[in-house]
C-alpha atoms as a PDB file:
ATOM      1  CA  MET A   1      24.057  95.301  50.419  1.00  0.00           C
ATOM      2  CA  ASP A   2      23.641  93.574  46.855  1.00  0.00           C
ATOM      3  CA  LYS A   3      20.985  91.171  48.572  1.00  0.00           C
ATOM      4  CA  SER A   4      19.068  94.190  49.909  1.00  0.00           C
ATOM      5  CA  GLU A   5      15.961  95.743  48.153  1.00  0.00           C
ATOM      6  CA  ALA A   6      14.205  99.273  48.995  1.00  0.00           C
ATOM      7  CA  ILE A   7      11.036 100.677  48.247  1.00  0.00           C
ATOM      8  CA  PRO A   8      10.806 104.545  47.818  1.00  0.00           C
ATOM      9  CA  ILE A   9       7.880 106.113  49.759  1.00  0.00           C
ATOM     10  CA  HIS A  10       7.229 109.887  49.211  1.00  0.00           C
ATOM     11  CA  MET A  11      10.648 110.306  47.428  1.00  0.00           C
ATOM     12  CA  GLY A  12      11.258 112.181  44.186  1.00  0.00           C
ATOM     13  CA  GLU A  13      13.551 111.013  41.499  1.00  0.00           C
ATOM     14  CA  GLY A  14      16.397 113.247  42.728  1.00  0.00           C
ATOM     15  CA  ASP A  15      16.552 111.571  46.044  1.00  0.00           C
ATOM     16  CA  MET A  16      16.302 108.052  44.428  1.00  0.00           C
ATOM     17  CA  SER A  17      19.134 108.797  41.964  1.00  0.00           C
ATOM     18  CA  PHE A  18      21.285 110.060  45.026  1.00  0.00           C
ATOM     19  CA  LEU A  19      20.763 106.897  46.879  1.00  0.00           C
ATOM     20  CA  ARG A  20      21.381 104.734  43.894  1.00  0.00           C
ATOM     21  CA  SER A  21      24.702 106.324  43.316  1.00  0.00           C
ATOM     22  CA  TYR A  22      26.029 105.771  46.790  1.00  0.00           C
ATOM     23  CA  PHE A  23      24.421 102.382  47.640  1.00  0.00           C
ATOM     24  CA  PRO A  24      24.057  99.115  45.410  1.00  0.00           C
ATOM     25  CA  VAL A  25      20.545  98.405  46.511  1.00  0.00           C
ATOM     26  CA  ALA A  26      17.892  97.352  44.013  1.00  0.00           C
ATOM     27  CA  VAL A  27      14.816  99.706  44.197  1.00  0.00           C
ATOM     28  CA  SER A  28      11.481  98.454  43.648  1.00  0.00           C
ATOM     29  CA  LEU A  29       8.653 100.934  42.694  1.00  0.00           C
ATOM     30  CA  THR A  30       5.801  98.480  43.387  1.00  0.00           C
ATOM     31  CA  SER A  31       6.442  96.139  46.480  1.00  0.00           C
ATOM     32  CA  ILE A  32       9.239  94.245  48.243  1.00  0.00           C
ATOM     33  CA  LYS A  33       9.134  90.875  49.834  1.00  0.00           C
ATOM     34  CA  TYR A  34      10.082  90.496  53.441  1.00  0.00           C
ATOM     35  CA  LEU A  35       9.784  87.239  55.411  1.00  0.00           C
ATOM     36  CA  GLY A  36       7.221  86.069  52.936  1.00  0.00           C
ATOM     37  CA  ILE A  37       5.035  88.976  52.827  1.00  0.00           C
ATOM     38  CA  HIS A  38       4.783  91.397  50.001  1.00  0.00           C
ATOM     39  CA  LEU A  39       4.907  95.186  51.262  1.00  0.00           C
ATOM     40  CA  SER A  40       3.467  97.342  48.621  1.00  0.00           C
ATOM     41  CA  ILE A  41       4.126 101.056  48.024  1.00  0.00           C
ATOM     42  CA  ASP A  42       0.341 101.651  48.504  1.00  0.00           C
ATOM     43  CA  PRO A  43      -0.966 100.280  51.645  1.00  0.00           C
ATOM     44  CA  GLY A  44      -4.395  99.794  49.974  1.00  0.00           C
ATOM     45  CA  LEU A  45      -2.854  97.117  47.857  1.00  0.00           C
ATOM     46  CA  MET A  46      -1.560  94.930  50.558  1.00  0.00           C
ATOM     47  CA  TYR A  47      -4.528  92.514  50.396  1.00  0.00           C
ATOM     48  CA  ASP A  48      -4.319  92.174  46.630  1.00  0.00           C
ATOM     49  CA  VAL A  49      -0.542  91.449  46.535  1.00  0.00           C
ATOM     50  CA  ASN A  50      -0.698  89.023  49.471  1.00  0.00           C
ATOM     51  CA  TYR A  51      -4.150  87.231  50.019  1.00  0.00           C
ATOM     52  CA  ALA A  52      -5.273  87.026  46.550  1.00  0.00           C
ATOM     53  CA  PRO A  53      -2.248  84.901  45.308  1.00  0.00           C
ATOM     54  CA  LEU A  54      -2.360  82.761  48.733  1.00  0.00           C
ATOM     55  CA  LEU A  55      -6.074  81.997  48.343  1.00  0.00           C
ATOM     56  CA  SER A  56      -5.566  80.859  44.743  1.00  0.00           C
ATOM     57  CA  ARG A  57      -2.667  78.620  45.491  1.00  0.00           C
ATOM     58  CA  ILE A  58      -4.417  77.072  48.444  1.00  0.00           C
ATOM     59  CA  LYS A  59      -7.708  76.396  46.185  1.00  0.00           C
ATOM     60  CA  ARG A  60      -5.167  74.993  43.586  1.00  0.00           C
ATOM     61  CA  ASP A  61      -3.762  72.647  46.062  1.00  0.00           C
ATOM     62  CA  LEU A  62      -7.029  71.362  47.292  1.00  0.00           C
ATOM     63  CA  GLU A  63      -8.047  70.476  43.718  1.00  0.00           C
ATOM     64  CA  ASN A  64      -4.795  68.765  42.957  1.00  0.00           C
ATOM     65  CA  TRP A  65      -4.908  66.618  46.357  1.00  0.00           C
ATOM     66  CA  ASP A  66      -8.464  65.600  45.640  1.00  0.00           C
ATOM     67  CA  LYS A  67      -7.006  63.371  42.760  1.00  0.00           C
ATOM     68  CA  TYR A  68      -5.346  61.235  45.369  1.00  0.00           C
ATOM     69  CA  ALA A  69      -6.757  58.416  47.487  1.00  0.00           C
ATOM     70  CA  ILE A  70      -6.971  60.298  50.720  1.00  0.00           C
ATOM     71  CA  SER A  71      -8.985  59.049  53.694  1.00  0.00           C
ATOM     72  CA  TRP A  72     -11.673  61.250  55.007  1.00  0.00           C
ATOM     73  CA  MET A  73      -9.921  61.957  58.335  1.00  0.00           C
ATOM     74  CA  GLY A  74      -6.733  62.404  56.155  1.00  0.00           C
ATOM     75  CA  ARG A  75      -8.312  65.122  54.274  1.00  0.00           C
ATOM     76  CA  ILE A  76      -9.258  66.881  57.564  1.00  0.00           C
ATOM     77  CA  TYR A  77      -5.422  66.598  58.612  1.00  0.00           C
ATOM     78  CA  CYS A  78      -4.235  67.995  55.422  1.00  0.00           C
ATOM     79  CA  VAL A  79      -6.207  70.999  56.148  1.00  0.00           C
ATOM     80  CA  LYS A  80      -5.060  71.390  59.633  1.00  0.00           C
ATOM     81  CA  MET A  81      -1.320  70.641  58.841  1.00  0.00           C
ATOM     82  CA  THR A  82      -0.975  72.291  55.447  1.00  0.00           C
ATOM     83  CA  VAL A  83      -3.647  74.810  54.696  1.00  0.00           C
ATOM     84  CA  LEU A  84      -3.937  76.492  58.235  1.00  0.00           C
ATOM     85  CA  PRO A  85      -0.409  77.083  59.005  1.00  0.00           C
ATOM     86  CA  ARG A  86      -0.122  79.152  55.757  1.00  0.00           C
ATOM     87  CA  LEU A  87      -3.231  81.122  56.602  1.00  0.00           C
ATOM     88  CA  LEU A  88      -2.231  81.655  60.139  1.00  0.00           C
ATOM     89  CA  TYR A  89       1.169  83.130  59.120  1.00  0.00           C
ATOM     90  CA  PHE A  90      -0.580  85.716  57.105  1.00  0.00           C
ATOM     91  CA  PHE A  91      -3.237  86.366  59.663  1.00  0.00           C
ATOM     92  CA  GLN A  92      -0.427  87.100  62.407  1.00  0.00           C
ATOM     93  CA  ALA A  93       1.930  89.052  59.987  1.00  0.00           C
ATOM     94  CA  LEU A  94      -0.747  91.266  58.207  1.00  0.00           C
ATOM     95  CA  PRO A  95      -2.862  93.429  60.562  1.00  0.00           C
ATOM     96  CA  ILE A  96      -5.277  94.283  57.711  1.00  0.00           C
ATOM     97  CA  ALA A  97      -8.868  93.688  56.959  1.00  0.00           C
ATOM     98  CA  ILE A  98      -9.631  90.379  55.025  1.00  0.00           C
ATOM     99  CA  SER A  99     -12.743  89.746  52.941  1.00  0.00           C
ATOM    100  CA  PRO A 100     -15.069  87.553  55.061  1.00  0.00           C
ATOM    101  CA  GLU A 101     -16.511  86.443  51.501  1.00  0.00           C
ATOM    102  CA  ASP A 102     -13.080  85.258  50.416  1.00  0.00           C
ATOM    103  CA  LEU A 103     -12.676  83.400  53.639  1.00  0.00           C
ATOM    104  CA  HIS A 104     -16.166  81.685  53.314  1.00  0.00           C
ATOM    105  CA  ARG A 105     -15.413  80.753  49.494  1.00  0.00           C
ATOM    106  CA  LEU A 106     -12.264  78.953  50.718  1.00  0.00           C
ATOM    107  CA  GLN A 107     -14.111  77.249  53.554  1.00  0.00           C
ATOM    108  CA  ARG A 108     -16.619  75.874  50.809  1.00  0.00           C
ATOM    109  CA  ALA A 109     -13.511  74.710  48.918  1.00  0.00           C
ATOM    110  CA  ILE A 110     -12.280  72.965  51.998  1.00  0.00           C
ATOM    111  CA  ASP A 111     -15.819  71.406  52.557  1.00  0.00           C
ATOM    112  CA  LYS A 112     -15.651  70.108  48.917  1.00  0.00           C
ATOM    113  CA  PHE A 113     -12.347  68.763  49.250  1.00  0.00           C
ATOM    114  CA  ILE A 114     -13.096  66.874  52.674  1.00  0.00           C
ATOM    115  CA  TRP A 115     -16.278  65.293  51.255  1.00  0.00           C
ATOM    116  CA  ARG A 116     -15.014  64.840  47.794  1.00  0.00           C
ATOM    117  CA  GLY A 117     -17.744  66.949  46.390  1.00  0.00           C
ATOM    118  CA  LYS A 118     -20.441  64.608  47.923  1.00  0.00           C
ATOM    119  CA  ARG A 119     -23.168  65.615  50.089  1.00  0.00           C
ATOM    120  CA  HIS A 120     -22.134  66.547  53.842  1.00  0.00           C
ATOM    121  CA  ARG A 121     -22.803  63.771  56.269  1.00  0.00           C
ATOM    122  CA  ILE A 122     -21.944  66.074  59.240  1.00  0.00           C
ATOM    123  CA  SER A 123     -22.770  69.742  59.782  1.00  0.00           C
ATOM    124  CA  ARG A 124     -19.580  71.880  59.557  1.00  0.00           C
ATOM    125  CA  ALA A 125     -20.472  73.094  63.276  1.00  0.00           C
ATOM    126  CA  THR A 126     -19.888  69.694  64.579  1.00  0.00           C
ATOM    127  CA  LEU A 127     -16.598  69.398  62.709  1.00  0.00           C
ATOM    128  CA  TYR A 128     -15.343  72.628  64.095  1.00  0.00           C
ATOM    129  CA  ARG A 129     -15.758  71.478  67.629  1.00  0.00           C
ATOM    130  CA  PRO A 130     -12.682  69.958  69.446  1.00  0.00           C
ATOM    131  CA  LYS A 131     -12.605  66.170  69.732  1.00  0.00           C
ATOM    132  CA  ASP A 132     -13.276  66.289  73.500  1.00  0.00           C
ATOM    133  CA  ALA A 133     -16.593  68.010  72.495  1.00  0.00           C
ATOM    134  CA  GLY A 134     -17.592  65.433  69.806  1.00  0.00           C
ATOM    135  CA  GLY A 135     -15.941  67.249  66.745  1.00  0.00           C
ATOM    136  CA  LEU A 136     -12.963  66.725  64.828  1.00  0.00           C
ATOM    137  CA  GLY A 137     -11.021  70.125  65.139  1.00  0.00           C
ATOM    138  CA  LEU A 138     -11.755  71.301  61.648  1.00  0.00           C
ATOM    139  CA  PRO A 139     -10.300  74.721  61.313  1.00  0.00           C
ATOM    140  CA  CYS A 140     -12.819  77.607  61.321  1.00  0.00           C
ATOM    141  CA  LEU A 141     -10.892  80.068  59.194  1.00  0.00           C
ATOM    142  CA  LEU A 142     -12.752  83.216  60.212  1.00  0.00           C
ATOM    143  CA  SER A 143     -12.362  82.333  63.909  1.00  0.00           C
ATOM    144  CA  TYR A 144      -8.670  82.012  63.552  1.00  0.00           C
ATOM    145  CA  TYR A 145      -8.420  85.387  61.761  1.00  0.00           C
ATOM    146  CA  TYR A 146     -10.279  86.957  64.563  1.00  0.00           C
ATOM    147  CA  ALA A 147      -8.128  85.256  67.086  1.00  0.00           C
ATOM    148  CA  ALA A 148      -5.048  86.290  65.345  1.00  0.00           C
ATOM    149  CA  GLN A 149      -6.129  89.982  65.302  1.00  0.00           C
ATOM    150  CA  LEU A 150      -7.247  90.100  68.861  1.00  0.00           C
ATOM    151  CA  ALA A 151      -3.673  88.830  69.842  1.00  0.00           C
ATOM    152  CA  GLN A 152      -2.456  92.326  68.518  1.00  0.00           C
ATOM    153  CA  ILE A 153      -4.698  93.861  71.240  1.00  0.00           C
ATOM    154  CA  VAL A 154      -3.038  91.818  73.801  1.00  0.00           C
ATOM    155  CA  GLY A 155       0.189  93.300  72.588  1.00  0.00           C
ATOM    156  CA  TRP A 156      -0.842  96.561  73.146  1.00  0.00           C
ATOM    157  CA  HIS A 157      -1.153  95.964  76.953  1.00  0.00           C
ATOM    158  CA  THR A 158       2.434  94.692  77.104  1.00  0.00           C
ATOM    159  CA  PRO A 159       4.819  96.888  79.227  1.00  0.00           C
ATOM    160  CA  PRO A 160       6.696  99.970  77.515  1.00  0.00           C
ATOM    161  CA  GLY A 161       9.726  98.539  75.722  1.00  0.00           C
ATOM    162  CA  ARG A 162       8.649  95.190  75.024  1.00  0.00           C
ATOM    163  CA  HIS A 163       7.444  95.589  71.311  1.00  0.00           C
ATOM    164  CA  ARG A 164       8.546  98.120  68.912  1.00  0.00           C
ATOM    165  CA  TRP A 165       5.433  97.878  66.979  1.00  0.00           C
ATOM    166  CA  VAL A 166       3.452  98.731  69.879  1.00  0.00           C
ATOM    167  CA  GLU A 167       5.436 101.773  70.659  1.00  0.00           C
ATOM    168  CA  LEU A 168       4.879 102.815  66.968  1.00  0.00           C
ATOM    169  CA  GLU A 169       1.154 102.332  67.135  1.00  0.00           C
ATOM    170  CA  ARG A 170       1.050 104.285  70.537  1.00  0.00           C
ATOM    171  CA  ALA A 171       2.822 107.056  68.975  1.00  0.00           C
ATOM    172  CA  LEU A 172       0.320 107.290  66.036  1.00  0.00           C
ATOM    173  CA  MET A 173      -2.469 107.426  68.440  1.00  0.00           C
ATOM    174  CA  PHE A 174      -0.880 110.253  70.710  1.00  0.00           C
ATOM    175  CA  PRO A 175      -2.348 111.599  72.830  1.00  0.00           C
ATOM    176  CA  ASP A 176      -4.492 108.729  73.278  1.00  0.00           C
ATOM    177  CA  ASP A 177      -3.432 105.029  74.049  1.00  0.00           C
ATOM    178  CA  PRO A 178      -4.829 102.187  72.400  1.00  0.00           C
ATOM    179  CA  SER A 179      -4.580  99.883  75.361  1.00  0.00           C
ATOM    180  CA  LEU A 180      -6.893 102.520  77.223  1.00  0.00           C
ATOM    181  CA  TRP A 181      -9.091 103.808  74.336  1.00  0.00           C
ATOM    182  CA  ILE A 182     -10.695 100.516  73.480  1.00  0.00           C
ATOM    183  CA  TRP A 183     -11.988 100.271  77.168  1.00  0.00           C
ATOM    184  CA  LEU A 184     -14.019 103.271  76.903  1.00  0.00           C
ATOM    185  CA  SER A 185     -17.612 103.013  75.693  1.00  0.00           C
ATOM    186  CA  LYS A 186     -18.162 104.301  72.162  1.00  0.00           C
ATOM    187  CA  THR A 187     -20.182 107.287  73.501  1.00  0.00           C
ATOM    188  CA  HIS A 188     -17.092 108.287  75.768  1.00  0.00           C
ATOM    189  CA  ARG A 189     -14.368 107.916  73.391  1.00  0.00           C
ATOM    190  CA  THR A 190     -12.396 110.921  71.592  1.00  0.00           C
ATOM    191  CA  LEU A 191     -11.999 111.069  67.936  1.00  0.00           C
ATOM    192  CA  LEU A 192      -9.739 108.331  66.792  1.00  0.00           C
ATOM    193  CA  ARG A 193      -6.590 110.246  65.568  1.00  0.00           C
ATOM    194  CA  THR A 194      -5.026 107.752  63.312  1.00  0.00           C
ATOM    195  CA  ALA A 195      -5.696 106.157  59.947  1.00  0.00           C
ATOM    196  CA  CYS A 196      -3.246 103.390  60.371  1.00  0.00           C
ATOM    197  CA  PRO A 197      -4.763 100.410  58.922  1.00  0.00           C
ATOM    198  CA  ALA A 198      -3.408  98.072  61.579  1.00  0.00           C
ATOM    199  CA  ILE A 199      -5.011 100.126  64.437  1.00  0.00           C
ATOM    200  CA  VAL A 200      -8.251 100.744  62.722  1.00  0.00           C
ATOM    201  CA  ASN A 201      -8.791  97.049  61.749  1.00  0.00           C
ATOM    202  CA  SER A 202      -7.876  96.121  65.434  1.00  0.00           C
ATOM    203  CA  ILE A 203     -10.316  98.283  66.905  1.00  0.00           C
ATOM    204  CA  ARG A 204     -13.152  97.288  64.220  1.00  0.00           C
ATOM    205  CA  ILE A 205     -12.736  93.701  65.210  1.00  0.00           C
ATOM    206  CA  TRP A 206     -12.580  94.315  68.954  1.00  0.00           C
ATOM    207  CA  ASP A 207     -15.806  96.388  68.922  1.00  0.00           C
ATOM    208  CA  LYS A 208     -17.441  93.662  66.787  1.00  0.00           C
ATOM    209  CA  LEU A 209     -16.340  90.907  69.203  1.00  0.00           C
ATOM    210  CA  ALA A 210     -16.094  92.520  72.544  1.00  0.00           C
ATOM    211  CA  ALA A 211     -19.793  92.235  73.642  1.00  0.00           C
ATOM    212  CA  LYS A 212     -20.619  89.278  71.157  1.00  0.00           C
ATOM    213  CA  CYS A 213     -17.913  87.036  72.381  1.00  0.00           C
ATOM    214  CA  ASP A 214     -18.250  88.218  76.198  1.00  0.00           C
ATOM    215  CA  LEU A 215     -14.647  89.588  76.169  1.00  0.00           C
ATOM    216  CA  SER A 216     -15.527  92.540  78.385  1.00  0.00           C
ATOM    217  CA  SER A 217     -18.305  94.117  80.336  1.00  0.00           C
ATOM    218  CA  PHE A 218     -19.377  97.622  79.838  1.00  0.00           C
ATOM    219  CA  PRO A 219     -18.488  99.591  81.649  1.00  0.00           C
ATOM    220  CA  SER A 220     -15.264  97.739  82.126  1.00  0.00           C
ATOM    221  CA  PRO A 221     -13.204  97.719  85.242  1.00  0.00           C
ATOM    222  CA  LEU A 222     -10.181  98.611  82.919  1.00  0.00           C
ATOM    223  CA  SER A 223     -11.941 101.729  81.863  1.00  0.00           C
ATOM    224  CA  PRO A 224      -9.412 104.792  82.284  1.00  0.00           C
ATOM    225  CA  ILE A 225      -9.998 107.897  84.293  1.00  0.00           C
ATOM    226  CA  ILE A 226      -7.837 109.799  82.239  1.00  0.00           C
ATOM    227  CA  ARG A 227      -9.650 111.498  78.884  1.00  0.00           C
ATOM    228  CA  ASN A 228     -12.829 109.719  80.207  1.00  0.00           C
ATOM    229  CA  LYS A 229     -15.699 111.924  79.617  1.00  0.00           C
ATOM    230  CA  ALA A 230     -17.585 109.909  82.164  1.00  0.00           C
ATOM    231  CA  PHE A 231     -15.303 111.554  84.997  1.00  0.00           C
END
C-alpha cells in the first residue's frame, strides 16, 4: 500500500480525508505515473504532461548525439532504435490527439541530426521507403502515429470479453457500437453520444484516412443494418 498512489476525481475533501485515514496511500492532486505514462486529473492536460517533456528529451538527445562521430547510416539506426521505440510506446498507450506541428518539428530535428546540419542529399520521401523499395526505412513519425491509433479500431472488432478497454468504450457509446458506427456513411450516422477523447480521436483519424488510404469503400460491405438510416 505504501507504494501505491491515488488521484481523486470528483471527490470532496471529506471523502479524501476518510480514505487517507483508512488507507496509507499517497494522494496526488495533479497526476500519477502508471507504466511510464502520466495520468492527469484533467484529461485536457494529458498531452502537456506526457508529450511535451518527451519531445523535449528527444530533441536534447539528438543535439547531444550530434557531437559524436556517428556515420550517416549509424545516425539513421540511432533514430530507428532509440527515438522511435519511445515515441511508439506513447502512440500506443495514449489514444489522444497529437499536434502534427510538433511531429513535423521533431522530424526536422531528426533530419538535421541525420545530415549533421548540412544540405539534404536524398529526399525525405526516399528515405522513408523500405530497403526493398530503394529507401532506408527512416521512420515517418506521423505515419507511425496514425498506424498506432488505427490499431485501436482493430481492437473494437475483437470478440466480447477480449479487452476490458473495448468493453468500456462500447459502454460509453451505448446504444451505438463503435465497431458498427464507423462503417456507416457520415450522412447516415447517428449523433455521437460520447465525449471520450480516445473514441473521438480514433474516429477522427479513421474518417481522415479511410478514403485517403483506401481502407474502406463507401458504402462498405461491413455497413450494419441495425440503426442504419439507409434501411
